[in-house]
Amino acid sequence: MQVQLAWSPRPQEVLLENLSLPTGATLADALKASQLVREQAPGPLEGLPCGVWSKLRPLDHLLRDGDRIEVYRPLLVDPKEARRQRYRKSGSKRAGPSGTSV
């Protein structure tokens, strides 16, 4: 079966790898077969958060032909804090729902 593995080492950069795996292969099998994972993984496979078609899956998840495997990188900044930083950086006041400044 054919699957595709997507790895994003940095924002705005996605690396893709096509893999040929036997029927009945799991997510762990795909990670072990991946050259990208061997080159890019920061640690053991058990610690890699990954999923199939944007849904987090365990390593024993059975793959199907045509699946897209995604390896997720950890968040460097809390999402709420990132929004605060973007707001402070923009320096602009936006109008709220009632037309008042927020």
N, C-alpha and C. Protein backbone atom coordinates (compact mmCIF):
# COMPACT_ATOMS: atom_id res chain seq x y z
N MET A 1 0.85 -1.18 0.00
CA MET A 1 0.00 0.00 0.00
C MET A 1 0.89 1.24 0.00
N GLN A 2 0.36 2.31 -0.51
CA GLN A 2 1.08 3.58 -0.61
C GLN A 2 0.50 4.57 0.40
N VAL A 3 1.38 5.20 1.18
CA VAL A 3 0.98 6.26 2.10
C VAL A 3 1.95 7.42 1.95
N GLN A 4 1.54 8.58 2.44
CA GLN A 4 2.42 9.75 2.38
C GLN A 4 2.65 10.25 3.79
N LEU A 5 3.90 10.60 4.10
CA LEU A 5 4.26 11.12 5.41
C LEU A 5 4.61 12.60 5.26
N ALA A 6 4.01 13.43 6.10
CA ALA A 6 4.28 14.88 6.09
C ALA A 6 4.98 15.26 7.39
N TRP A 7 6.05 16.03 7.25
CA TRP A 7 6.85 16.48 8.40
C TRP A 7 7.09 17.97 8.22
N SER A 8 6.81 18.75 9.25
CA SER A 8 7.04 20.19 9.18
C SER A 8 8.08 20.57 10.23
N PRO A 9 9.35 20.66 9.84
CA PRO A 9 10.38 20.98 10.82
C PRO A 9 10.31 22.42 11.34
N ARG A 10 9.77 23.32 10.53
CA ARG A 10 9.65 24.73 10.88
C ARG A 10 8.35 25.29 10.29
N PRO A 11 7.85 26.39 10.82
CA PRO A 11 6.67 27.01 10.22
C PRO A 11 6.90 27.31 8.74
N GLN A 12 5.89 27.14 7.95
CA GLN A 12 5.90 27.43 6.51
C GLN A 12 6.80 26.48 5.71
N GLU A 13 7.22 25.36 6.31
CA GLU A 13 8.03 24.37 5.59
C GLU A 13 7.46 22.98 5.84
N VAL A 14 7.12 22.27 4.76
CA VAL A 14 6.59 20.92 4.87
C VAL A 14 7.40 20.00 3.98
N LEU A 15 7.88 18.91 4.56
CA LEU A 15 8.61 17.90 3.80
C LEU A 15 7.69 16.69 3.64
N LEU A 16 7.65 16.13 2.43
CA LEU A 16 6.78 14.99 2.14
C LEU A 16 7.62 13.80 1.74
N GLU A 17 7.16 12.61 2.13
CA GLU A 17 7.83 11.38 1.74
C GLU A 17 6.76 10.34 1.42
N ASN A 18 6.86 9.72 0.26
CA ASN A 18 5.96 8.64 -0.12
C ASN A 18 6.56 7.32 0.33
N LEU A 19 5.73 6.49 0.96
CA LEU A 19 6.19 5.21 1.49
C LEU A 19 5.38 4.06 0.91
N SER A 20 6.03 2.96 0.61
CA SER A 20 5.37 1.72 0.22
C SER A 20 5.46 0.78 1.41
N LEU A 21 4.31 0.38 1.93
CA LEU A 21 4.26 -0.47 3.12
C LEU A 21 3.41 -1.70 2.83
N PRO A 22 3.65 -2.79 3.55
CA PRO A 22 2.80 -3.97 3.36
C PRO A 22 1.41 -3.74 3.95
N THR A 23 0.42 -4.44 3.43
CA THR A 23 -0.93 -4.36 3.97
C THR A 23 -0.88 -4.77 5.44
N GLY A 24 -1.61 -4.06 6.28
CA GLY A 24 -1.61 -4.34 7.71
C GLY A 24 -0.57 -3.56 8.48
N ALA A 25 0.14 -2.66 7.81
CA ALA A 25 1.16 -1.85 8.48
C ALA A 25 0.50 -0.86 9.44
N THR A 26 1.22 -0.53 10.49
CA THR A 26 0.73 0.41 11.49
C THR A 26 1.46 1.75 11.35
N LEU A 27 1.00 2.70 12.10
CA LEU A 27 1.64 4.01 12.13
C LEU A 27 3.10 3.87 12.58
N ALA A 28 3.36 3.02 13.54
CA ALA A 28 4.74 2.79 14.00
C ALA A 28 5.60 2.22 12.88
N ASP A 29 5.04 1.30 12.09
CA ASP A 29 5.78 0.72 10.96
C ASP A 29 6.17 1.80 9.96
N ALA A 30 5.25 2.72 9.70
CA ALA A 30 5.52 3.81 8.75
C ALA A 30 6.63 4.72 9.27
N LEU A 31 6.59 5.03 10.56
CA LEU A 31 7.62 5.90 11.14
C LEU A 31 8.99 5.23 11.07
N LYS A 32 9.03 3.91 11.32
CA LYS A 32 10.29 3.17 11.25
C LYS A 32 10.83 3.12 9.83
N ALA A 33 9.94 3.08 8.83
CA ALA A 33 10.35 2.99 7.43
C ALA A 33 10.73 4.34 6.84
N SER A 34 10.43 5.41 7.53
CA SER A 34 10.62 6.76 6.98
C SER A 34 12.04 7.28 7.14
N GLN A 35 12.62 7.67 6.05
CA GLN A 35 13.94 8.32 6.05
C GLN A 35 13.84 9.69 6.74
N LEU A 36 12.76 10.42 6.47
CA LEU A 36 12.56 11.74 7.08
C LEU A 36 12.58 11.65 8.60
N VAL A 37 11.87 10.68 9.13
CA VAL A 37 11.80 10.53 10.59
C VAL A 37 13.18 10.19 11.14
N ARG A 38 13.90 9.31 10.47
CA ARG A 38 15.25 8.96 10.95
C ARG A 38 16.15 10.19 10.97
N GLU A 39 16.01 11.06 9.97
CA GLU A 39 16.87 12.25 9.88
C GLU A 39 16.42 13.39 10.79
N GLN A 40 15.13 13.54 10.99
CA GLN A 40 14.59 14.73 11.65
C GLN A 40 14.13 14.53 13.09
N ALA A 41 13.81 13.30 13.49
CA ALA A 41 13.21 13.07 14.81
C ALA A 41 14.15 13.51 15.93
N PRO A 42 13.63 14.27 16.89
CA PRO A 42 14.45 14.74 17.99
C PRO A 42 14.69 13.68 19.07
N GLY A 43 13.93 12.59 19.04
CA GLY A 43 14.07 11.57 20.07
C GLY A 43 13.43 10.27 19.63
N PRO A 44 13.04 9.42 20.58
CA PRO A 44 12.46 8.12 20.24
C PRO A 44 11.09 8.26 19.57
N LEU A 45 10.74 7.26 18.76
CA LEU A 45 9.47 7.28 18.04
C LEU A 45 8.28 7.34 18.98
N GLU A 46 8.39 6.70 20.14
CA GLU A 46 7.27 6.65 21.09
C GLU A 46 6.86 8.05 21.55
N GLY A 47 7.76 9.00 21.49
CA GLY A 47 7.45 10.35 21.94
C GLY A 47 6.93 11.27 20.85
N LEU A 48 6.86 10.77 19.61
CA LEU A 48 6.43 11.62 18.50
C LEU A 48 4.91 11.68 18.42
N PRO A 49 4.32 12.86 18.58
CA PRO A 49 2.88 12.96 18.35
C PRO A 49 2.62 12.92 16.85
N CYS A 50 1.74 12.02 16.43
CA CYS A 50 1.45 11.93 15.00
C CYS A 50 0.00 11.52 14.80
N GLY A 51 -0.45 11.68 13.58
CA GLY A 51 -1.83 11.37 13.26
C GLY A 51 -1.99 11.01 11.81
N VAL A 52 -3.23 10.71 11.45
CA VAL A 52 -3.59 10.39 10.08
C VAL A 52 -4.74 11.32 9.70
N TRP A 53 -4.56 12.02 8.59
CA TRP A 53 -5.56 12.97 8.10
C TRP A 53 -6.00 13.92 9.21
N SER A 54 -5.05 14.54 9.89
CA SER A 54 -5.28 15.59 10.90
C SER A 54 -5.95 15.10 12.18
N LYS A 55 -5.97 13.81 12.42
CA LYS A 55 -6.53 13.28 13.66
C LYS A 55 -5.43 12.51 14.38
N LEU A 56 -5.20 12.86 15.64
CA LEU A 56 -4.19 12.20 16.45
C LEU A 56 -4.52 10.71 16.56
N ARG A 57 -3.53 9.86 16.32
CA ARG A 57 -3.72 8.41 16.35
C ARG A 57 -2.60 7.75 17.15
N PRO A 58 -2.89 6.59 17.79
CA PRO A 58 -1.83 5.86 18.49
C PRO A 58 -0.92 5.16 17.49
N LEU A 59 0.26 4.77 17.94
CA LEU A 59 1.24 4.14 17.05
C LEU A 59 0.78 2.79 16.53
N ASP A 60 -0.19 2.14 17.20
CA ASP A 60 -0.67 0.85 16.71
C ASP A 60 -1.85 0.98 15.74
N HIS A 61 -2.16 2.20 15.32
CA HIS A 61 -3.24 2.45 14.37
C HIS A 61 -2.92 1.80 13.02
N LEU A 62 -3.87 1.02 12.49
CA LEU A 62 -3.68 0.37 11.18
C LEU A 62 -3.88 1.38 10.06
N LEU A 63 -2.97 1.39 9.13
CA LEU A 63 -3.03 2.32 8.01
C LEU A 63 -3.79 1.72 6.84
N ARG A 64 -4.32 2.60 5.99
CA ARG A 64 -4.99 2.18 4.76
C ARG A 64 -4.29 2.82 3.58
N ASP A 65 -4.45 2.21 2.44
CA ASP A 65 -3.84 2.74 1.22
C ASP A 65 -4.30 4.18 1.00
N GLY A 66 -3.35 5.06 0.72
CA GLY A 66 -3.66 6.46 0.46
C GLY A 66 -3.68 7.36 1.69
N ASP A 67 -3.44 6.81 2.88
CA ASP A 67 -3.44 7.63 4.10
C ASP A 67 -2.32 8.67 4.05
N ARG A 68 -2.59 9.79 4.72
CA ARG A 68 -1.57 10.84 4.88
C ARG A 68 -1.21 10.88 6.36
N ILE A 69 0.04 10.55 6.66
CA ILE A 69 0.54 10.54 8.03
C ILE A 69 1.18 11.89 8.30
N GLU A 70 0.84 12.46 9.45
CA GLU A 70 1.39 13.77 9.82
C GLU A 70 2.12 13.64 11.15
N VAL A 71 3.35 14.10 11.18
CA VAL A 71 4.13 14.12 12.43
C VAL A 71 4.06 15.55 12.94
N TYR A 72 3.55 15.72 14.15
CA TYR A 72 3.33 17.05 14.71
C TYR A 72 4.52 17.47 15.56
N ARG A 73 4.90 18.73 15.43
CA ARG A 73 5.98 19.23 16.28
C ARG A 73 5.35 19.90 17.50
N PRO A 74 6.07 19.94 18.59
CA PRO A 74 5.51 20.53 19.81
C PRO A 74 5.32 22.04 19.67
N LEU A 75 4.35 22.55 20.41
CA LEU A 75 4.12 23.99 20.43
C LEU A 75 5.26 24.65 21.19
N LEU A 76 5.78 25.73 20.64
CA LEU A 76 6.86 26.45 21.31
C LEU A 76 6.30 27.54 22.22
N VAL A 77 5.09 28.02 21.90
CA VAL A 77 4.45 29.08 22.67
C VAL A 77 3.00 28.69 22.87
N ASP A 78 2.48 28.95 24.05
CA ASP A 78 1.07 28.72 24.32
C ASP A 78 0.23 29.53 23.33
N PRO A 79 -0.80 28.94 22.70
CA PRO A 79 -1.60 29.67 21.71
C PRO A 79 -2.19 30.98 22.22
N LYS A 80 -2.63 31.02 23.48
CA LYS A 80 -3.17 32.27 24.03
C LYS A 80 -2.08 33.34 24.11
N GLU A 81 -0.90 32.93 24.54
CA GLU A 81 0.21 33.88 24.63
C GLU A 81 0.61 34.37 23.24
N ALA A 82 0.58 33.50 22.25
CA ALA A 82 0.92 33.89 20.88
C ALA A 82 -0.06 34.96 20.38
N ARG A 83 -1.35 34.79 20.68
CA ARG A 83 -2.34 35.81 20.28
C ARG A 83 -2.06 37.14 20.97
N ARG A 84 -1.74 37.09 22.25
CA ARG A 84 -1.41 38.33 22.99
C ARG A 84 -0.21 39.03 22.35
N GLN A 85 0.81 38.26 22.03
CA GLN A 85 2.01 38.85 21.42
C GLN A 85 1.69 39.47 20.06
N ARG A 86 0.88 38.79 19.25
CA ARG A 86 0.50 39.37 17.95
C ARG A 86 -0.30 40.65 18.13
N TYR A 87 -1.19 40.67 19.14
CA TYR A 87 -2.00 41.85 19.40
C TYR A 87 -1.11 43.02 19.82
N ARG A 88 -0.19 42.76 20.75
CA ARG A 88 0.72 43.82 21.20
C ARG A 88 1.59 44.33 20.05
N LYS A 89 2.05 43.43 19.22
CA LYS A 89 2.91 43.80 18.11
C LYS A 89 2.17 44.66 17.08
N SER A 90 0.87 44.35 16.87
CA SER A 90 0.11 45.11 15.87
C SER A 90 -0.12 46.54 16.36
N GLY A 91 -0.28 46.72 17.68
CA GLY A 91 -0.42 48.05 18.25
C GLY A 91 -1.69 48.77 17.86
N SER A 92 -2.63 48.07 17.28
CA SER A 92 -3.86 48.74 16.85
C SER A 92 -5.02 48.30 17.72
N LYS A 93 -5.95 49.19 17.85
CA LYS A 93 -7.18 48.88 18.57
C LYS A 93 -8.23 48.54 17.51
N ARG A 94 -8.89 47.42 17.73
CA ARG A 94 -9.95 47.03 16.80
C ARG A 94 -11.30 47.33 17.42
N ALA A 95 -12.28 47.51 16.57
CA ALA A 95 -13.63 47.75 17.06
C ALA A 95 -14.24 46.42 17.49
N GLY A 96 -14.91 46.43 18.65
CA GLY A 96 -15.58 45.24 19.15
C GLY A 96 -16.92 45.05 18.45
N PRO A 97 -17.71 44.07 18.85
CA PRO A 97 -18.98 43.78 18.20
C PRO A 97 -19.98 44.93 18.27
N SER A 98 -19.92 45.76 19.33
CA SER A 98 -20.87 46.86 19.44
C SER A 98 -20.29 48.17 18.90
N GLY A 99 -19.13 48.09 18.26
CA GLY A 99 -18.52 49.29 17.71
C GLY A 99 -17.58 49.98 18.66
N THR A 100 -17.46 49.45 19.88
CA THR A 100 -16.54 50.04 20.85
C THR A 100 -15.15 49.44 20.69
N SER A 101 -14.16 50.15 21.19
CA SER A 101 -12.80 49.63 21.12
C SER A 101 -12.64 48.48 22.09
N VAL A 102 -11.81 47.52 21.71
CA VAL A 102 -11.56 46.37 22.56
C VAL A 102 -10.22 46.54 23.23
